[in-house]
Amino acid sequence: MIFSVEFLVGNLGNGFVALVNGRDWLQGRKLSAVDQILTALSVSRIGLLGLTFLNWWAALYCPSSLMIPSRLRAVYISWTVLNHCSLWLATSLSIYYFLRIANFSNAFFLYLRFRVRRVVWCILLASLVPLLVNIMLMNLHIDIWVRGSGTNASHTLSREFSKLLLAPNLAFSLLPFALSLVAVLLLLASLWQHWRCWGAVAGDKRAEAHRRALGGVTAFLFLYILFFLTFLLHVWTFEFPQKNLTSLFYKVTAAMFPTGHSIVLILRTRKLREVALSALRGAAGSCRGDFLVAQECSARWTVGCEIKNSIGGM
């Protein structure tokens, strides 16, 4: 139940981000680098949440379907690609914010800052190399695991599955996690220093903007660390088939990152927040209008019944 709600909220949040930016693009407006990253990130997370939900449903109600080699290959390679895109796009977003918002006088930092778009595109292009290597390893390891699955016991299958399929994904997730961690910690240090300097000035807009940015970056860091630690524990304690509550707990906890981060982005990004508030006001006004119409109809029906009863009494 919790995972289903999380799946729904995550798809609504990421779908909203993709829909708003996609509407602007269709209307001929030029999307900024952040909007482009956010759109690609939202699309990848929608696919990742959908595939995770389907995999959980199949493992719960039809585990034998995941033992078919072709289906196993399709599911885990697709998950690898979507998870890779989600992590590296989130990493590029954190690096973009770090280079644009942080305030350091280091010459190398200033050099990268003036070339932030090129830096982000180079990071995303370079991330294709570990993706290709990971896919090749995944193909090889699936063949090895399938050949040994017919003779091994359940606990041996779990250990081999974790070692061959999950551990490489964890290893390839270390680099984007480390880059995000360094970028976010440096950004937090810069924001905290700036907020301490300007926080004493009453009504200072820069201090308020940096305070909001500080909260958003802190939430991102917490969710990313939670996701990575959950992934690590899942690899360490994996059991096959995935029907126990521990596996469900890992999935629910890991899904908090793509779900919760989309909510943080909507609340912390001005354009998305304004569109969301406008949509909520419109929905509230529509509901209020429908309620008033229903109330008026009910009043008219009551008056009509009273008039009819009074005529009948005569």
C-alpha atoms as a PDB file:
ATOM      1  CA  MET A   1       0.000   0.000   0.000  1.00  0.00           C
ATOM      2  CA  ILE A   2       2.775   2.452   0.986  1.00  0.00           C
ATOM      3  CA  PHE A   3       4.807   1.614  -2.107  1.00  0.00           C
ATOM      4  CA  SER A   4       1.730   2.082  -4.329  1.00  0.00           C
ATOM      5  CA  VAL A   5       1.073   5.541  -2.831  1.00  0.00           C
ATOM      6  CA  GLU A   6       4.750   6.416  -3.253  1.00  0.00           C
ATOM      7  CA  PHE A   7       4.619   5.254  -6.870  1.00  0.00           C
ATOM      8  CA  LEU A   8       1.545   7.423  -7.523  1.00  0.00           C
ATOM      9  CA  VAL A   9       2.960  10.535  -5.820  1.00  0.00           C
ATOM     10  CA  GLY A  10       6.317  10.107  -7.574  1.00  0.00           C
ATOM     11  CA  ASN A  11       4.718   9.838 -10.986  1.00  0.00           C
ATOM     12  CA  LEU A  12       2.471  12.843 -10.315  1.00  0.00           C
ATOM     13  CA  GLY A  13       5.402  14.972  -9.139  1.00  0.00           C
ATOM     14  CA  ASN A  14       7.804  14.014 -11.921  1.00  0.00           C
ATOM     15  CA  GLY A  15       5.018  14.092 -14.500  1.00  0.00           C
ATOM     16  CA  PHE A  16       4.118  17.619 -13.409  1.00  0.00           C
ATOM     17  CA  VAL A  17       7.738  18.812 -13.870  1.00  0.00           C
ATOM     18  CA  ALA A  18       7.982  17.205 -17.318  1.00  0.00           C
ATOM     19  CA  LEU A  19       4.544  18.529 -18.320  1.00  0.00           C
ATOM     20  CA  VAL A  20       5.298  22.147 -17.358  1.00  0.00           C
ATOM     21  CA  ASN A  21       8.639  22.225 -19.183  1.00  0.00           C
ATOM     22  CA  GLY A  22       7.231  20.287 -22.145  1.00  0.00           C
ATOM     23  CA  ARG A  23       4.393  22.808 -22.469  1.00  0.00           C
ATOM     24  CA  ASP A  24       6.885  25.689 -22.531  1.00  0.00           C
ATOM     25  CA  TRP A  25       8.927  23.921 -25.200  1.00  0.00           C
ATOM     26  CA  LEU A  26       5.848  23.261 -27.364  1.00  0.00           C
ATOM     27  CA  GLN A  27       4.875  26.931 -27.072  1.00  0.00           C
ATOM     28  CA  GLY A  28       8.231  27.918 -28.568  1.00  0.00           C
ATOM     29  CA  ARG A  29       9.850  29.136 -25.363  1.00  0.00           C
ATOM     30  CA  LYS A  30      13.548  28.466 -24.938  1.00  0.00           C
ATOM     31  CA  LEU A  31      14.263  26.080 -22.078  1.00  0.00           C
ATOM     32  CA  SER A  32      17.161  26.907 -19.780  1.00  0.00           C
ATOM     33  CA  ALA A  33      19.856  24.341 -19.011  1.00  0.00           C
ATOM     34  CA  VAL A  34      18.193  23.631 -15.647  1.00  0.00           C
ATOM     35  CA  ASP A  35      14.794  23.072 -17.284  1.00  0.00           C
ATOM     36  CA  GLN A  36      16.329  20.665 -19.801  1.00  0.00           C
ATOM     37  CA  ILE A  37      18.027  18.679 -17.038  1.00  0.00           C
ATOM     38  CA  LEU A  38      14.854  18.664 -14.930  1.00  0.00           C
ATOM     39  CA  THR A  39      12.759  17.399 -17.852  1.00  0.00           C
ATOM     40  CA  ALA A  40      15.155  14.562 -18.680  1.00  0.00           C
ATOM     41  CA  LEU A  41      15.492  13.728 -14.971  1.00  0.00           C
ATOM     42  CA  SER A  42      11.706  13.573 -14.501  1.00  0.00           C
ATOM     43  CA  VAL A  43      11.203  11.331 -17.545  1.00  0.00           C
ATOM     44  CA  SER A  44      13.929   8.922 -16.395  1.00  0.00           C
ATOM     45  CA  ARG A  45      12.443   8.786 -12.895  1.00  0.00           C
ATOM     46  CA  ILE A  46       8.951   8.063 -14.214  1.00  0.00           C
ATOM     47  CA  GLY A  47      10.384   5.098 -16.125  1.00  0.00           C
ATOM     48  CA  LEU A  48      12.450   3.996 -13.112  1.00  0.00           C
ATOM     49  CA  LEU A  49       9.486   4.093 -10.719  1.00  0.00           C
ATOM     50  CA  GLY A  50       7.270   2.283 -13.228  1.00  0.00           C
ATOM     51  CA  LEU A  51       9.814  -0.477 -13.821  1.00  0.00           C
ATOM     52  CA  THR A  52      10.485  -0.877 -10.082  1.00  0.00           C
ATOM     53  CA  PHE A  53       6.742  -1.152  -9.409  1.00  0.00           C
ATOM     54  CA  LEU A  54       6.253  -3.758 -12.151  1.00  0.00           C
ATOM     55  CA  ASN A  55       9.257  -5.742 -10.918  1.00  0.00           C
ATOM     56  CA  TRP A  56       7.887  -5.701  -7.354  1.00  0.00           C
ATOM     57  CA  TRP A  57       4.441  -6.783  -8.570  1.00  0.00           C
ATOM     58  CA  ALA A  58       5.921  -9.637 -10.654  1.00  0.00           C
ATOM     59  CA  ALA A  59       8.150 -10.801  -7.778  1.00  0.00           C
ATOM     60  CA  LEU A  60       5.130 -10.812  -5.460  1.00  0.00           C
ATOM     61  CA  TYR A  61       2.514 -12.508  -7.660  1.00  0.00           C
ATOM     62  CA  CYS A  62       4.426 -14.239 -10.455  1.00  0.00           C
ATOM     63  CA  PRO A  63       8.088 -14.785  -9.446  1.00  0.00           C
ATOM     64  CA  SER A  64       8.616 -17.503 -12.047  1.00  0.00           C
ATOM     65  CA  SER A  65       8.205 -14.902 -14.827  1.00  0.00           C
ATOM     66  CA  LEU A  66      11.425 -13.189 -13.704  1.00  0.00           C
ATOM     67  CA  MET A  67      13.371 -16.424 -14.124  1.00  0.00           C
ATOM     68  CA  ILE A  68      12.980 -16.375 -17.914  1.00  0.00           C
ATOM     69  CA  PRO A  69      16.431 -15.320 -19.220  1.00  0.00           C
ATOM     70  CA  SER A  70      15.171 -12.912 -21.903  1.00  0.00           C
ATOM     71  CA  ARG A  71      12.772 -11.216 -19.473  1.00  0.00           C
ATOM     72  CA  LEU A  72      15.403 -11.052 -16.742  1.00  0.00           C
ATOM     73  CA  ARG A  73      17.832  -9.451 -19.185  1.00  0.00           C
ATOM     74  CA  ALA A  74      15.278  -6.895 -20.394  1.00  0.00           C
ATOM     75  CA  VAL A  75      14.200  -5.911 -16.866  1.00  0.00           C
ATOM     76  CA  TYR A  76      17.631  -5.493 -15.313  1.00  0.00           C
ATOM     77  CA  ILE A  77      19.315  -3.831 -18.280  1.00  0.00           C
ATOM     78  CA  SER A  78      16.385  -1.394 -18.540  1.00  0.00           C
ATOM     79  CA  TRP A  79      16.621  -0.724 -14.807  1.00  0.00           C
ATOM     80  CA  THR A  80      20.376  -0.189 -15.133  1.00  0.00           C
ATOM     81  CA  VAL A  81      19.930   2.379 -17.925  1.00  0.00           C
ATOM     82  CA  LEU A  82      17.119   4.270 -16.140  1.00  0.00           C
ATOM     83  CA  ASN A  83      18.909   4.261 -12.776  1.00  0.00           C
ATOM     84  CA  HIS A  84      22.123   5.454 -14.450  1.00  0.00           C
ATOM     85  CA  CYS A  85      20.285   8.321 -16.171  1.00  0.00           C
ATOM     86  CA  SER A  86      18.495   9.293 -12.963  1.00  0.00           C
ATOM     87  CA  LEU A  87      21.683   9.371 -10.877  1.00  0.00           C
ATOM     88  CA  TRP A  88      23.864  11.175 -13.420  1.00  0.00           C
ATOM     89  CA  LEU A  89      21.198  13.763 -14.248  1.00  0.00           C
ATOM     90  CA  ALA A  90      20.731  14.445 -10.524  1.00  0.00           C
ATOM     91  CA  THR A  91      24.517  14.718 -10.208  1.00  0.00           C
ATOM     92  CA  SER A  92      24.766  17.147 -13.127  1.00  0.00           C
ATOM     93  CA  LEU A  93      21.962  19.207 -11.573  1.00  0.00           C
ATOM     94  CA  SER A  94      23.812  19.438  -8.253  1.00  0.00           C
ATOM     95  CA  ILE A  95      27.041  20.409 -10.052  1.00  0.00           C
ATOM     96  CA  TYR A  96      25.169  23.051 -12.069  1.00  0.00           C
ATOM     97  CA  TYR A  97      23.696  24.575  -8.904  1.00  0.00           C
ATOM     98  CA  PHE A  98      27.090  24.460  -7.210  1.00  0.00           C
ATOM     99  CA  LEU A  99      28.829  26.318 -10.052  1.00  0.00           C
ATOM    100  CA  ARG A 100      26.043  28.887 -10.437  1.00  0.00           C
ATOM    101  CA  ILE A 101      25.194  29.602  -6.782  1.00  0.00           C
ATOM    102  CA  ALA A 102      28.374  29.000  -4.762  1.00  0.00           C
ATOM    103  CA  ASN A 103      30.718  31.907  -4.164  1.00  0.00           C
ATOM    104  CA  PHE A 104      34.425  31.000  -4.173  1.00  0.00           C
ATOM    105  CA  SER A 105      37.405  33.007  -5.381  1.00  0.00           C
ATOM    106  CA  ASN A 106      39.381  29.982  -6.574  1.00  0.00           C
ATOM    107  CA  ALA A 107      40.664  30.421 -10.159  1.00  0.00           C
ATOM    108  CA  PHE A 108      39.716  26.893 -11.249  1.00  0.00           C
ATOM    109  CA  PHE A 109      36.202  27.319  -9.817  1.00  0.00           C
ATOM    110  CA  LEU A 110      35.764  30.610 -11.698  1.00  0.00           C
ATOM    111  CA  TYR A 111      37.034  28.961 -14.892  1.00  0.00           C
ATOM    112  CA  LEU A 112      34.399  26.217 -14.575  1.00  0.00           C
ATOM    113  CA  ARG A 113      31.705  28.694 -13.559  1.00  0.00           C
ATOM    114  CA  PHE A 114      31.952  30.644 -16.801  1.00  0.00           C
ATOM    115  CA  ARG A 115      31.680  27.357 -18.732  1.00  0.00           C
ATOM    116  CA  VAL A 116      28.973  25.706 -16.641  1.00  0.00           C
ATOM    117  CA  ARG A 117      26.839  24.519 -19.573  1.00  0.00           C
ATOM    118  CA  ARG A 118      29.840  22.942 -21.273  1.00  0.00           C
ATOM    119  CA  VAL A 119      30.879  21.292 -17.993  1.00  0.00           C
ATOM    120  CA  VAL A 120      27.434  19.741 -17.509  1.00  0.00           C
ATOM    121  CA  TRP A 121      27.246  18.436 -21.083  1.00  0.00           C
ATOM    122  CA  CYS A 122      30.762  16.986 -20.828  1.00  0.00           C
ATOM    123  CA  ILE A 123      29.809  15.191 -17.594  1.00  0.00           C
ATOM    124  CA  LEU A 124      26.681  13.712 -19.181  1.00  0.00           C
ATOM    125  CA  LEU A 125      28.563  12.594 -22.298  1.00  0.00           C
ATOM    126  CA  ALA A 126      31.401  11.100 -20.237  1.00  0.00           C
ATOM    127  CA  SER A 127      28.843   9.163 -18.154  1.00  0.00           C
ATOM    128  CA  LEU A 128      27.949   7.131 -21.272  1.00  0.00           C
ATOM    129  CA  VAL A 129      31.277   5.291 -20.976  1.00  0.00           C
ATOM    130  CA  PRO A 130      30.554   3.634 -17.594  1.00  0.00           C
ATOM    131  CA  LEU A 131      26.983   2.980 -18.790  1.00  0.00           C
ATOM    132  CA  LEU A 132      28.223   0.971 -21.792  1.00  0.00           C
ATOM    133  CA  VAL A 133      30.713  -0.923 -19.623  1.00  0.00           C
ATOM    134  CA  ASN A 134      27.990  -1.682 -17.077  1.00  0.00           C
ATOM    135  CA  ILE A 135      25.611  -2.980 -19.771  1.00  0.00           C
ATOM    136  CA  MET A 136      28.293  -5.286 -21.168  1.00  0.00           C
ATOM    137  CA  LEU A 137      29.066  -6.616 -17.681  1.00  0.00           C
ATOM    138  CA  MET A 138      25.354  -7.058 -16.998  1.00  0.00           C
ATOM    139  CA  ASN A 139      24.894  -9.129 -20.165  1.00  0.00           C
ATOM    140  CA  LEU A 140      27.857 -11.305 -19.249  1.00  0.00           C
ATOM    141  CA  HIS A 141      26.800 -11.763 -15.633  1.00  0.00           C
ATOM    142  CA  ILE A 142      23.203 -12.635 -16.556  1.00  0.00           C
ATOM    143  CA  ASP A 143      24.492 -15.446 -18.786  1.00  0.00           C
ATOM    144  CA  ILE A 144      26.700 -16.734 -15.951  1.00  0.00           C
ATOM    145  CA  TRP A 145      23.866 -16.570 -13.414  1.00  0.00           C
ATOM    146  CA  VAL A 146      21.344 -18.291 -15.721  1.00  0.00           C
ATOM    147  CA  ARG A 147      23.761 -21.156 -16.382  1.00  0.00           C
ATOM    148  CA  GLY A 148      24.258 -21.707 -12.653  1.00  0.00           C
ATOM    149  CA  SER A 149      20.664 -21.170 -11.544  1.00  0.00           C
ATOM    150  CA  GLY A 150      19.527 -24.688 -12.410  1.00  0.00           C
ATOM    151  CA  THR A 151      21.892 -26.445  -9.992  1.00  0.00           C
ATOM    152  CA  ASN A 152      22.284 -24.063  -7.035  1.00  0.00           C
ATOM    153  CA  ALA A 153      20.190 -23.768  -3.887  1.00  0.00           C
ATOM    154  CA  SER A 154      18.128 -20.709  -3.039  1.00  0.00           C
ATOM    155  CA  HIS A 155      20.708 -19.113  -0.716  1.00  0.00           C
ATOM    156  CA  THR A 156      23.448 -19.661  -3.307  1.00  0.00           C
ATOM    157  CA  LEU A 157      21.221 -18.087  -5.980  1.00  0.00           C
ATOM    158  CA  SER A 158      20.704 -15.038  -3.768  1.00  0.00           C
ATOM    159  CA  ARG A 159      24.427 -14.643  -3.136  1.00  0.00           C
ATOM    160  CA  GLU A 160      25.327 -15.081  -6.797  1.00  0.00           C
ATOM    161  CA  PHE A 161      22.558 -12.733  -7.948  1.00  0.00           C
ATOM    162  CA  SER A 162      23.723 -10.039  -5.553  1.00  0.00           C
ATOM    163  CA  LYS A 163      27.362 -10.456  -6.586  1.00  0.00           C
ATOM    164  CA  LEU A 164      26.790 -10.623 -10.340  1.00  0.00           C
ATOM    165  CA  LEU A 165      23.886  -8.208 -10.960  1.00  0.00           C
ATOM    166  CA  LEU A 166      23.432  -5.837  -8.014  1.00  0.00           C
ATOM    167  CA  ALA A 167      27.012  -5.229  -6.880  1.00  0.00           C
ATOM    168  CA  PRO A 168      28.213  -3.860 -10.274  1.00  0.00           C
ATOM    169  CA  ASN A 169      25.333  -1.351 -10.289  1.00  0.00           C
ATOM    170  CA  LEU A 170      26.313  -0.262  -6.791  1.00  0.00           C
ATOM    171  CA  ALA A 171      29.955   0.126  -7.851  1.00  0.00           C
ATOM    172  CA  PHE A 172      29.007   2.237 -10.881  1.00  0.00           C
ATOM    173  CA  SER A 173      26.782   4.381  -8.625  1.00  0.00           C
ATOM    174  CA  LEU A 174      29.728   5.364  -6.422  1.00  0.00           C
ATOM    175  CA  LEU A 175      31.127   7.971  -8.831  1.00  0.00           C
ATOM    176  CA  PRO A 176      27.943  10.063  -9.320  1.00  0.00           C
ATOM    177  CA  PHE A 177      27.232   9.794  -5.588  1.00  0.00           C
ATOM    178  CA  ALA A 178      30.741  11.012  -4.711  1.00  0.00           C
ATOM    179  CA  LEU A 179      30.534  13.910  -7.195  1.00  0.00           C
ATOM    180  CA  SER A 180      27.130  14.960  -5.869  1.00  0.00           C
ATOM    181  CA  LEU A 181      28.315  14.679  -2.282  1.00  0.00           C
ATOM    182  CA  VAL A 182      31.353  16.910  -2.890  1.00  0.00           C
ATOM    183  CA  ALA A 183      29.362  19.471  -4.918  1.00  0.00           C
ATOM    184  CA  VAL A 184      26.510  19.673  -2.398  1.00  0.00           C
ATOM    185  CA  LEU A 185      28.799  19.903   0.644  1.00  0.00           C
ATOM    186  CA  LEU A 186      30.800  22.719  -0.965  1.00  0.00           C
ATOM    187  CA  LEU A 187      27.572  24.468  -1.926  1.00  0.00           C
ATOM    188  CA  LEU A 188      26.230  24.081   1.617  1.00  0.00           C
ATOM    189  CA  ALA A 189      29.443  25.578   3.010  1.00  0.00           C
ATOM    190  CA  SER A 190      29.181  28.553   0.658  1.00  0.00           C
ATOM    191  CA  LEU A 191      25.465  29.101   1.355  1.00  0.00           C
ATOM    192  CA  TRP A 192      25.934  28.818   5.103  1.00  0.00           C
ATOM    193  CA  GLN A 193      28.785  31.326   5.074  1.00  0.00           C
ATOM    194  CA  HIS A 194      26.788  33.759   2.942  1.00  0.00           C
ATOM    195  CA  TRP A 195      23.650  33.340   5.057  1.00  0.00           C
ATOM    196  CA  ARG A 196      25.612  34.021   8.261  1.00  0.00           C
ATOM    197  CA  CYS A 197      27.031  37.202   6.727  1.00  0.00           C
ATOM    198  CA  TRP A 198      23.713  38.550   5.436  1.00  0.00           C
ATOM    199  CA  GLY A 199      21.284  36.958   7.851  1.00  0.00           C
ATOM    200  CA  ALA A 200      21.622  39.783  10.333  1.00  0.00           C
ATOM    201  CA  VAL A 201      20.237  42.281   7.821  1.00  0.00           C
ATOM    202  CA  ALA A 202      16.475  42.412   8.327  1.00  0.00           C
ATOM    203  CA  GLY A 203      14.470  41.798   5.184  1.00  0.00           C
ATOM    204  CA  ASP A 204      17.541  41.077   3.023  1.00  0.00           C
ATOM    205  CA  LYS A 205      16.312  39.266  -0.106  1.00  0.00           C
ATOM    206  CA  ARG A 206      19.634  37.574  -0.796  1.00  0.00           C
ATOM    207  CA  ALA A 207      19.723  36.059   2.685  1.00  0.00           C
ATOM    208  CA  GLU A 208      16.149  34.769   2.249  1.00  0.00           C
ATOM    209  CA  ALA A 209      16.961  33.293  -1.183  1.00  0.00           C
ATOM    210  CA  HIS A 210      20.056  31.593   0.219  1.00  0.00           C
ATOM    211  CA  ARG A 211      18.058  30.253   3.172  1.00  0.00           C
ATOM    212  CA  ARG A 212      15.559  28.631   0.786  1.00  0.00           C
ATOM    213  CA  ALA A 213      18.378  27.233  -1.342  1.00  0.00           C
ATOM    214  CA  LEU A 214      20.032  25.880   1.814  1.00  0.00           C
ATOM    215  CA  GLY A 215      16.868  23.968   2.728  1.00  0.00           C
ATOM    216  CA  GLY A 216      16.431  22.523  -0.773  1.00  0.00           C
ATOM    217  CA  VAL A 217      20.050  21.384  -1.075  1.00  0.00           C
ATOM    218  CA  THR A 218      19.948  19.821   2.408  1.00  0.00           C
ATOM    219  CA  ALA A 219      16.806  17.846   1.499  1.00  0.00           C
ATOM    220  CA  PHE A 220      18.445  16.634  -1.739  1.00  0.00           C
ATOM    221  CA  LEU A 221      21.564  15.501   0.129  1.00  0.00           C
ATOM    222  CA  PHE A 222      19.527  13.649   2.770  1.00  0.00           C
ATOM    223  CA  LEU A 223      17.429  11.807   0.159  1.00  0.00           C
ATOM    224  CA  TYR A 224      20.479  10.899  -1.949  1.00  0.00           C
ATOM    225  CA  ILE A 225      22.395   9.520   1.056  1.00  0.00           C
ATOM    226  CA  LEU A 226      19.301   7.568   2.138  1.00  0.00           C
ATOM    227  CA  PHE A 227      18.964   6.089  -1.369  1.00  0.00           C
ATOM    228  CA  PHE A 228      22.618   5.069  -1.519  1.00  0.00           C
ATOM    229  CA  LEU A 229      22.652   3.485   1.945  1.00  0.00           C
ATOM    230  CA  THR A 230      19.451   1.587   1.114  1.00  0.00           C
ATOM    231  CA  PHE A 231      20.995   0.336  -2.136  1.00  0.00           C
ATOM    232  CA  LEU A 232      24.080  -0.784  -0.207  1.00  0.00           C
ATOM    233  CA  LEU A 233      22.018  -2.697   2.386  1.00  0.00           C
ATOM    234  CA  HIS A 234      19.885  -4.250  -0.368  1.00  0.00           C
ATOM    235  CA  VAL A 235      22.977  -5.639  -2.094  1.00  0.00           C
ATOM    236  CA  TRP A 236      24.389  -6.871   1.214  1.00  0.00           C
ATOM    237  CA  THR A 237      21.232  -8.682   2.409  1.00  0.00           C
ATOM    238  CA  PHE A 238      19.555  -9.672  -0.891  1.00  0.00           C
ATOM    239  CA  GLU A 239      17.345 -12.778  -0.769  1.00  0.00           C
ATOM    240  CA  PHE A 240      15.726 -14.601  -3.682  1.00  0.00           C
ATOM    241  CA  PRO A 241      12.790 -14.669  -4.310  1.00  0.00           C
ATOM    242  CA  GLN A 242      11.959 -11.105  -3.210  1.00  0.00           C
ATOM    243  CA  LYS A 243       8.780 -11.750  -1.220  1.00  0.00           C
ATOM    244  CA  ASN A 244       9.847 -10.711   2.289  1.00  0.00           C
ATOM    245  CA  LEU A 245       9.120  -7.463   4.105  1.00  0.00           C
ATOM    246  CA  THR A 246      12.801  -6.515   4.076  1.00  0.00           C
ATOM    247  CA  SER A 247      12.821  -6.332   0.280  1.00  0.00           C
ATOM    248  CA  LEU A 248       9.640  -4.221   0.323  1.00  0.00           C
ATOM    249  CA  PHE A 249      11.201  -1.893   2.929  1.00  0.00           C
ATOM    250  CA  TYR A 250      14.244  -1.392   0.701  1.00  0.00           C
ATOM    251  CA  LYS A 251      12.077  -0.571  -2.308  1.00  0.00           C
ATOM    252  CA  VAL A 252       9.936   1.900  -0.338  1.00  0.00           C
ATOM    253  CA  THR A 253      12.989   3.626   1.127  1.00  0.00           C
ATOM    254  CA  ALA A 254      14.867   3.774  -2.179  1.00  0.00           C
ATOM    255  CA  ALA A 255      11.806   5.197  -3.970  1.00  0.00           C
ATOM    256  CA  MET A 256      11.799   8.137  -1.544  1.00  0.00           C
ATOM    257  CA  PHE A 257      14.650   9.715  -3.515  1.00  0.00           C
ATOM    258  CA  PRO A 258      12.970  10.047  -6.948  1.00  0.00           C
ATOM    259  CA  THR A 259       9.609  10.756  -5.282  1.00  0.00           C
ATOM    260  CA  GLY A 260      10.660  13.180  -2.562  1.00  0.00           C
ATOM    261  CA  HIS A 261      13.155  15.069  -4.711  1.00  0.00           C
ATOM    262  CA  SER A 262      10.458  15.875  -7.282  1.00  0.00           C
ATOM    263  CA  ILE A 263       8.342  17.442  -4.513  1.00  0.00           C
ATOM    264  CA  VAL A 264      11.375  19.425  -3.297  1.00  0.00           C
ATOM    265  CA  LEU A 265      12.011  20.678  -6.848  1.00  0.00           C
ATOM    266  CA  ILE A 266       8.396  21.826  -7.234  1.00  0.00           C
ATOM    267  CA  LEU A 267       8.463  23.651  -3.907  1.00  0.00           C
ATOM    268  CA  ARG A 268      11.899  25.246  -4.424  1.00  0.00           C
ATOM    269  CA  THR A 269      11.705  26.183  -8.131  1.00  0.00           C
ATOM    270  CA  ARG A 270       9.799  29.446  -8.658  1.00  0.00           C
ATOM    271  CA  LYS A 271       8.262  28.591 -12.026  1.00  0.00           C
ATOM    272  CA  LEU A 272       7.093  25.146 -10.928  1.00  0.00           C
ATOM    273  CA  ARG A 273       5.807  26.460  -7.606  1.00  0.00           C
ATOM    274  CA  GLU A 274       3.786  29.229  -9.279  1.00  0.00           C
ATOM    275  CA  VAL A 275       2.229  26.831 -11.806  1.00  0.00           C
ATOM    276  CA  ALA A 276       1.379  24.381  -9.020  1.00  0.00           C
ATOM    277  CA  LEU A 277      -0.233  27.105  -6.892  1.00  0.00           C
ATOM    278  CA  SER A 278      -2.173  28.390  -9.894  1.00  0.00           C
ATOM    279  CA  ALA A 279      -3.443  24.875 -10.647  1.00  0.00           C
ATOM    280  CA  LEU A 280      -4.451  24.365  -7.005  1.00  0.00           C
ATOM    281  CA  ARG A 281      -6.307  27.704  -6.940  1.00  0.00           C
ATOM    282  CA  GLY A 282      -8.114  26.798 -10.154  1.00  0.00           C
ATOM    283  CA  ALA A 283      -9.072  23.393  -8.809  1.00  0.00           C
ATOM    284  CA  ALA A 284     -10.247  24.925  -5.507  1.00  0.00           C
ATOM    285  CA  GLY A 285     -12.298  27.564  -7.376  1.00  0.00           C
ATOM    286  CA  SER A 286     -13.861  24.911  -9.598  1.00  0.00           C
ATOM    287  CA  CYS A 287     -14.759  22.745  -6.600  1.00  0.00           C
ATOM    288  CA  ARG A 288     -16.198  25.756  -4.796  1.00  0.00           C
ATOM    289  CA  GLY A 289     -18.255  26.687  -7.876  1.00  0.00           C
ATOM    290  CA  ASP A 290     -19.585  23.144  -8.194  1.00  0.00           C
ATOM    291  CA  PHE A 291     -20.454  23.164  -4.501  1.00  0.00           C
ATOM    292  CA  LEU A 292     -22.355  26.455  -4.802  1.00  0.00           C
ATOM    293  CA  VAL A 293     -24.247  25.203  -7.875  1.00  0.00           C
ATOM    294  CA  ALA A 294     -25.177  22.002  -6.055  1.00  0.00           C
ATOM    295  CA  GLN A 295     -26.241  23.994  -3.015  1.00  0.00           C
ATOM    296  CA  GLU A 296     -28.440  26.270  -5.173  1.00  0.00           C
ATOM    297  CA  CYS A 297     -30.036  23.299  -6.936  1.00  0.00           C
ATOM    298  CA  SER A 298     -30.726  21.677  -3.575  1.00  0.00           C
ATOM    299  CA  ALA A 299     -32.337  24.868  -2.292  1.00  0.00           C
ATOM    300  CA  ARG A 300     -34.508  25.138  -5.415  1.00  0.00           C
ATOM    301  CA  TRP A 301     -35.556  21.502  -5.084  1.00  0.00           C
ATOM    302  CA  THR A 302     -36.474  22.053  -1.421  1.00  0.00           C
ATOM    303  CA  VAL A 303     -38.551  25.157  -2.264  1.00  0.00           C
ATOM    304  CA  GLY A 304     -40.285  23.270  -5.098  1.00  0.00           C
ATOM    305  CA  CYS A 305     -41.161  20.417  -2.757  1.00  0.00           C
ATOM    306  CA  GLU A 306     -42.576  22.845  -0.179  1.00  0.00           C
ATOM    307  CA  ILE A 307     -44.721  24.606  -2.826  1.00  0.00           C
ATOM    308  CA  LYS A 308     -45.965  21.245  -4.126  1.00  0.00           C
ATOM    309  CA  ASN A 309     -46.853  20.104  -0.601  1.00  0.00           C
ATOM    310  CA  SER A 310     -48.686  23.337   0.136  1.00  0.00           C
ATOM    311  CA  ILE A 311     -50.727  23.021  -3.105  1.00  0.00           C
ATOM    312  CA  GLY A 312     -51.570  19.444  -2.263  1.00  0.00           C
ATOM    313  CA  GLY A 313     -52.718  20.489   1.215  1.00  0.00           C
ATOM    314  CA  MET A 314     -55.228  22.918  -0.298  1.00  0.00           C
END
